[in-house]
Amino acid sequence: MLIDDARAVVVRLRPRIDGFLRARADLAELRADLAAAGASRLGGLAEVKGIEARLYADLERFAEAGAQVKGFAPLLLDFPGEADGTEVLWCWLEGDEEITWYHRADAGFAGRRRI
Protein backbone atom coordinates (compact mmCIF):
# COMPACT_ATOMS: atom_id res chain seq x y z
CA MET A 1 0.00 0.00 0.00
CA LEU A 2 1.30 3.45 -0.87
CA ILE A 3 1.45 6.10 1.84
CA ASP A 4 -1.25 8.15 0.10
CA ASP A 5 -3.52 5.10 0.05
CA ALA A 6 -2.92 4.47 3.77
CA ARG A 7 -3.66 8.11 4.57
CA ALA A 8 -6.90 7.90 2.57
CA VAL A 9 -7.95 4.83 4.57
CA VAL A 10 -7.40 6.73 7.83
CA VAL A 11 -9.52 9.62 6.52
CA ARG A 12 -12.26 7.19 5.51
CA LEU A 13 -12.09 5.44 8.90
CA ARG A 14 -12.03 8.67 10.94
CA PRO A 15 -15.74 8.64 11.92
CA ARG A 16 -15.45 5.00 13.03
CA ILE A 17 -12.17 5.75 14.84
CA ASP A 18 -13.78 8.66 16.70
CA GLY A 19 -16.74 6.48 17.67
CA PHE A 20 -14.36 3.74 18.81
CA LEU A 21 -12.51 6.18 21.07
CA ARG A 22 -15.77 7.42 22.64
CA ALA A 23 -17.03 3.87 23.18
CA ARG A 24 -13.70 2.80 24.69
CA ALA A 25 -13.89 5.71 27.16
CA ASP A 26 -17.51 4.85 28.01
CA LEU A 27 -16.51 1.24 28.64
CA ALA A 28 -13.67 2.25 30.95
CA GLU A 29 -15.96 4.57 32.92
CA LEU A 30 -18.75 2.01 33.07
CA ARG A 31 -16.44 -0.73 34.31
CA ALA A 32 -14.92 1.58 36.95
CA ASP A 33 -18.36 2.64 38.19
CA LEU A 34 -19.61 -0.94 38.37
CA ALA A 35 -16.51 -2.07 40.23
CA ALA A 36 -16.71 0.81 42.72
CA ALA A 37 -20.44 1.21 43.27
CA GLY A 38 -22.21 -1.61 41.45
CA ALA A 39 -24.08 0.94 39.32
CA SER A 40 -23.36 3.53 36.66
CA ARG A 41 -25.20 6.29 34.85
CA LEU A 42 -24.03 4.50 31.70
CA GLY A 43 -25.86 1.27 32.53
CA GLY A 44 -24.92 -2.16 33.74
CA LEU A 45 -23.57 -5.47 32.54
CA ALA A 46 -25.76 -5.49 29.41
CA GLU A 47 -24.26 -2.16 28.35
CA VAL A 48 -20.75 -3.47 29.03
CA LYS A 49 -21.41 -6.40 26.69
CA GLY A 50 -22.95 -4.11 24.06
CA ILE A 51 -20.00 -1.72 24.08
CA GLU A 52 -17.53 -4.60 23.95
CA ALA A 53 -19.35 -6.02 20.91
CA ARG A 54 -19.26 -2.63 19.21
CA LEU A 55 -15.51 -2.25 19.90
CA TYR A 56 -14.74 -5.70 18.47
CA ALA A 57 -16.84 -4.89 15.39
CA ASP A 58 -14.89 -1.65 14.91
CA LEU A 59 -11.58 -3.51 15.20
CA GLU A 60 -12.77 -5.94 12.54
CA ARG A 61 -13.72 -3.03 10.25
CA PHE A 62 -10.26 -1.50 10.70
CA ALA A 63 -8.70 -4.82 9.66
CA GLU A 64 -11.06 -5.16 6.69
CA ALA A 65 -9.90 -1.72 5.54
CA GLY A 66 -6.29 -2.94 5.46
CA ALA A 67 -5.06 -1.91 8.91
CA GLN A 68 -3.17 -4.13 11.30
CA VAL A 69 -4.46 -3.31 14.77
CA LYS A 70 -1.39 -3.18 16.99
CA GLY A 71 -2.88 -1.48 20.04
CA PHE A 72 -6.24 -0.86 21.66
CA ALA A 73 -5.42 1.87 24.17
CA PRO A 74 -3.93 3.88 22.68
CA LEU A 75 -5.28 2.82 19.31
CA LEU A 76 -2.39 1.94 17.00
CA LEU A 77 -2.95 1.04 13.35
CA ASP A 78 -0.25 -0.10 10.93
CA PHE A 79 -0.68 -0.36 7.17
CA PRO A 80 1.66 -2.64 5.18
CA GLY A 81 3.60 -0.86 2.47
CA GLU A 82 6.93 -0.41 0.80
CA ALA A 83 9.47 2.41 0.89
CA ASP A 84 12.62 2.39 -1.21
CA GLY A 85 12.25 -1.35 -1.80
CA THR A 86 11.92 -2.14 1.91
CA GLU A 87 8.83 -3.62 3.52
CA VAL A 88 7.47 -1.05 5.97
CA LEU A 89 4.41 -0.36 8.06
CA TRP A 90 2.83 3.08 7.77
CA CYS A 91 2.08 3.84 11.41
CA TRP A 92 -0.92 5.78 12.76
CA LEU A 93 -1.17 6.34 16.52
CA GLU A 94 -4.19 7.71 18.33
CA GLY A 95 -3.84 11.49 18.43
CA ASP A 96 -2.11 11.72 15.05
CA GLU A 97 -3.96 13.81 12.46
CA GLU A 98 -2.60 11.68 9.64
CA ILE A 99 0.09 9.10 9.04
CA THR A 100 3.45 10.79 9.45
CA TRP A 101 5.49 7.82 10.70
CA TYR A 102 6.64 4.46 9.41
CA HIS A 103 8.85 1.65 10.60
CA ARG A 104 10.41 -1.36 9.01
CA ALA A 105 8.21 -4.41 9.42
CA ASP A 106 10.94 -6.15 11.41
CA ALA A 107 11.78 -3.17 13.66
CA GLY A 108 8.44 -2.53 15.37
CA PHE A 109 7.17 0.63 17.00
CA ALA A 110 10.56 1.44 18.55
CA GLY A 111 11.95 1.80 15.03
CA ARG A 112 9.47 4.49 13.99
CA ARG A 113 10.78 7.22 11.73
CA ARG A 114 9.20 10.34 10.27
CA ILE A 115 8.14 10.02 6.66
C-alpha atoms as a PDB file:
ATOM      1  CA  MET A   1       0.000   0.000   0.000  1.00  0.00           C
ATOM      2  CA  LEU A   2       1.302   3.450  -0.873  1.00  0.00           C
ATOM      3  CA  ILE A   3       1.448   6.097   1.841  1.00  0.00           C
ATOM      4  CA  ASP A   4      -1.253   8.154   0.097  1.00  0.00           C
ATOM      5  CA  ASP A   5      -3.525   5.095   0.053  1.00  0.00           C
ATOM      6  CA  ALA A   6      -2.923   4.469   3.769  1.00  0.00           C
ATOM      7  CA  ARG A   7      -3.665   8.106   4.565  1.00  0.00           C
ATOM      8  CA  ALA A   8      -6.900   7.897   2.568  1.00  0.00           C
ATOM      9  CA  VAL A   9      -7.952   4.831   4.575  1.00  0.00           C
ATOM     10  CA  VAL A  10      -7.404   6.733   7.830  1.00  0.00           C
ATOM     11  CA  VAL A  11      -9.523   9.620   6.520  1.00  0.00           C
ATOM     12  CA  ARG A  12     -12.262   7.194   5.508  1.00  0.00           C
ATOM     13  CA  LEU A  13     -12.095   5.438   8.896  1.00  0.00           C
ATOM     14  CA  ARG A  14     -12.025   8.671  10.936  1.00  0.00           C
ATOM     15  CA  PRO A  15     -15.740   8.637  11.919  1.00  0.00           C
ATOM     16  CA  ARG A  16     -15.446   5.001  13.028  1.00  0.00           C
ATOM     17  CA  ILE A  17     -12.166   5.749  14.842  1.00  0.00           C
ATOM     18  CA  ASP A  18     -13.776   8.664  16.704  1.00  0.00           C
ATOM     19  CA  GLY A  19     -16.738   6.479  17.668  1.00  0.00           C
ATOM     20  CA  PHE A  20     -14.357   3.745  18.807  1.00  0.00           C
ATOM     21  CA  LEU A  21     -12.507   6.181  21.071  1.00  0.00           C
ATOM     22  CA  ARG A  22     -15.767   7.417  22.636  1.00  0.00           C
ATOM     23  CA  ALA A  23     -17.026   3.875  23.177  1.00  0.00           C
ATOM     24  CA  ARG A  24     -13.703   2.801  24.689  1.00  0.00           C
ATOM     25  CA  ALA A  25     -13.886   5.709  27.156  1.00  0.00           C
ATOM     26  CA  ASP A  26     -17.506   4.849  28.009  1.00  0.00           C
ATOM     27  CA  LEU A  27     -16.511   1.238  28.641  1.00  0.00           C
ATOM     28  CA  ALA A  28     -13.667   2.245  30.949  1.00  0.00           C
ATOM     29  CA  GLU A  29     -15.958   4.575  32.921  1.00  0.00           C
ATOM     30  CA  LEU A  30     -18.748   2.008  33.067  1.00  0.00           C
ATOM     31  CA  ARG A  31     -16.435  -0.730  34.312  1.00  0.00           C
ATOM     32  CA  ALA A  32     -14.920   1.581  36.950  1.00  0.00           C
ATOM     33  CA  ASP A  33     -18.359   2.635  38.188  1.00  0.00           C
ATOM     34  CA  LEU A  34     -19.614  -0.939  38.370  1.00  0.00           C
ATOM     35  CA  ALA A  35     -16.508  -2.066  40.232  1.00  0.00           C
ATOM     36  CA  ALA A  36     -16.711   0.808  42.724  1.00  0.00           C
ATOM     37  CA  ALA A  37     -20.440   1.212  43.266  1.00  0.00           C
ATOM     38  CA  GLY A  38     -22.210  -1.608  41.448  1.00  0.00           C
ATOM     39  CA  ALA A  39     -24.075   0.938  39.323  1.00  0.00           C
ATOM     40  CA  SER A  40     -23.360   3.533  36.658  1.00  0.00           C
ATOM     41  CA  ARG A  41     -25.196   6.290  34.852  1.00  0.00           C
ATOM     42  CA  LEU A  42     -24.027   4.498  31.700  1.00  0.00           C
ATOM     43  CA  GLY A  43     -25.858   1.274  32.533  1.00  0.00           C
ATOM     44  CA  GLY A  44     -24.921  -2.164  33.736  1.00  0.00           C
ATOM     45  CA  LEU A  45     -23.567  -5.473  32.538  1.00  0.00           C
ATOM     46  CA  ALA A  46     -25.757  -5.493  29.413  1.00  0.00           C
ATOM     47  CA  GLU A  47     -24.264  -2.158  28.346  1.00  0.00           C
ATOM     48  CA  VAL A  48     -20.752  -3.473  29.028  1.00  0.00           C
ATOM     49  CA  LYS A  49     -21.411  -6.397  26.695  1.00  0.00           C
ATOM     50  CA  GLY A  50     -22.947  -4.109  24.064  1.00  0.00           C
ATOM     51  CA  ILE A  51     -19.999  -1.716  24.083  1.00  0.00           C
ATOM     52  CA  GLU A  52     -17.532  -4.602  23.950  1.00  0.00           C
ATOM     53  CA  ALA A  53     -19.353  -6.016  20.912  1.00  0.00           C
ATOM     54  CA  ARG A  54     -19.263  -2.627  19.211  1.00  0.00           C
ATOM     55  CA  LEU A  55     -15.508  -2.247  19.895  1.00  0.00           C
ATOM     56  CA  TYR A  56     -14.743  -5.696  18.475  1.00  0.00           C
ATOM     57  CA  ALA A  57     -16.844  -4.891  15.390  1.00  0.00           C
ATOM     58  CA  ASP A  58     -14.895  -1.654  14.908  1.00  0.00           C
ATOM     59  CA  LEU A  59     -11.575  -3.506  15.202  1.00  0.00           C
ATOM     60  CA  GLU A  60     -12.771  -5.944  12.535  1.00  0.00           C
ATOM     61  CA  ARG A  61     -13.717  -3.033  10.246  1.00  0.00           C
ATOM     62  CA  PHE A  62     -10.258  -1.502  10.698  1.00  0.00           C
ATOM     63  CA  ALA A  63      -8.698  -4.823   9.661  1.00  0.00           C
ATOM     64  CA  GLU A  64     -11.063  -5.164   6.689  1.00  0.00           C
ATOM     65  CA  ALA A  65      -9.901  -1.719   5.543  1.00  0.00           C
ATOM     66  CA  GLY A  66      -6.294  -2.940   5.460  1.00  0.00           C
ATOM     67  CA  ALA A  67      -5.060  -1.913   8.906  1.00  0.00           C
ATOM     68  CA  GLN A  68      -3.175  -4.134  11.295  1.00  0.00           C
ATOM     69  CA  VAL A  69      -4.461  -3.307  14.766  1.00  0.00           C
ATOM     70  CA  LYS A  70      -1.386  -3.180  16.991  1.00  0.00           C
ATOM     71  CA  GLY A  71      -2.881  -1.482  20.040  1.00  0.00           C
ATOM     72  CA  PHE A  72      -6.244  -0.865  21.657  1.00  0.00           C
ATOM     73  CA  ALA A  73      -5.419   1.868  24.170  1.00  0.00           C
ATOM     74  CA  PRO A  74      -3.927   3.884  22.677  1.00  0.00           C
ATOM     75  CA  LEU A  75      -5.276   2.823  19.309  1.00  0.00           C
ATOM     76  CA  LEU A  76      -2.391   1.937  17.001  1.00  0.00           C
ATOM     77  CA  LEU A  77      -2.946   1.035  13.355  1.00  0.00           C
ATOM     78  CA  ASP A  78      -0.251  -0.103  10.934  1.00  0.00           C
ATOM     79  CA  PHE A  79      -0.678  -0.361   7.165  1.00  0.00           C
ATOM     80  CA  PRO A  80       1.657  -2.640   5.180  1.00  0.00           C
ATOM     81  CA  GLY A  81       3.599  -0.857   2.467  1.00  0.00           C
ATOM     82  CA  GLU A  82       6.929  -0.414   0.803  1.00  0.00           C
ATOM     83  CA  ALA A  83       9.466   2.414   0.894  1.00  0.00           C
ATOM     84  CA  ASP A  84      12.618   2.386  -1.210  1.00  0.00           C
ATOM     85  CA  GLY A  85      12.254  -1.353  -1.798  1.00  0.00           C
ATOM     86  CA  THR A  86      11.925  -2.144   1.909  1.00  0.00           C
ATOM     87  CA  GLU A  87       8.832  -3.622   3.518  1.00  0.00           C
ATOM     88  CA  VAL A  88       7.467  -1.045   5.974  1.00  0.00           C
ATOM     89  CA  LEU A  89       4.411  -0.359   8.063  1.00  0.00           C
ATOM     90  CA  TRP A  90       2.831   3.078   7.774  1.00  0.00           C
ATOM     91  CA  CYS A  91       2.082   3.836  11.406  1.00  0.00           C
ATOM     92  CA  TRP A  92      -0.916   5.783  12.762  1.00  0.00           C
ATOM     93  CA  LEU A  93      -1.170   6.337  16.516  1.00  0.00           C
ATOM     94  CA  GLU A  94      -4.193   7.708  18.326  1.00  0.00           C
ATOM     95  CA  GLY A  95      -3.842  11.485  18.430  1.00  0.00           C
ATOM     96  CA  ASP A  96      -2.110  11.715  15.048  1.00  0.00           C
ATOM     97  CA  GLU A  97      -3.956  13.813  12.463  1.00  0.00           C
ATOM     98  CA  GLU A  98      -2.597  11.675   9.643  1.00  0.00           C
ATOM     99  CA  ILE A  99       0.087   9.095   9.039  1.00  0.00           C
ATOM    100  CA  THR A 100       3.454  10.790   9.447  1.00  0.00           C
ATOM    101  CA  TRP A 101       5.486   7.817  10.698  1.00  0.00           C
ATOM    102  CA  TYR A 102       6.641   4.462   9.408  1.00  0.00           C
ATOM    103  CA  HIS A 103       8.854   1.651  10.603  1.00  0.00           C
ATOM    104  CA  ARG A 104      10.411  -1.363   9.012  1.00  0.00           C
ATOM    105  CA  ALA A 105       8.214  -4.406   9.418  1.00  0.00           C
ATOM    106  CA  ASP A 106      10.942  -6.152  11.413  1.00  0.00           C
ATOM    107  CA  ALA A 107      11.780  -3.175  13.664  1.00  0.00           C
ATOM    108  CA  GLY A 108       8.442  -2.525  15.367  1.00  0.00           C
ATOM    109  CA  PHE A 109       7.166   0.633  17.001  1.00  0.00           C
ATOM    110  CA  ALA A 110      10.559   1.439  18.546  1.00  0.00           C
ATOM    111  CA  GLY A 111      11.951   1.801  15.033  1.00  0.00           C
ATOM    112  CA  ARG A 112       9.468   4.489  13.990  1.00  0.00           C
ATOM    113  CA  ARG A 113      10.785   7.218  11.725  1.00  0.00           C
ATOM    114  CA  ARG A 114       9.198  10.340  10.267  1.00  0.00           C
ATOM    115  CA  ILE A 115       8.140  10.022   6.664  1.00  0.00           C
END
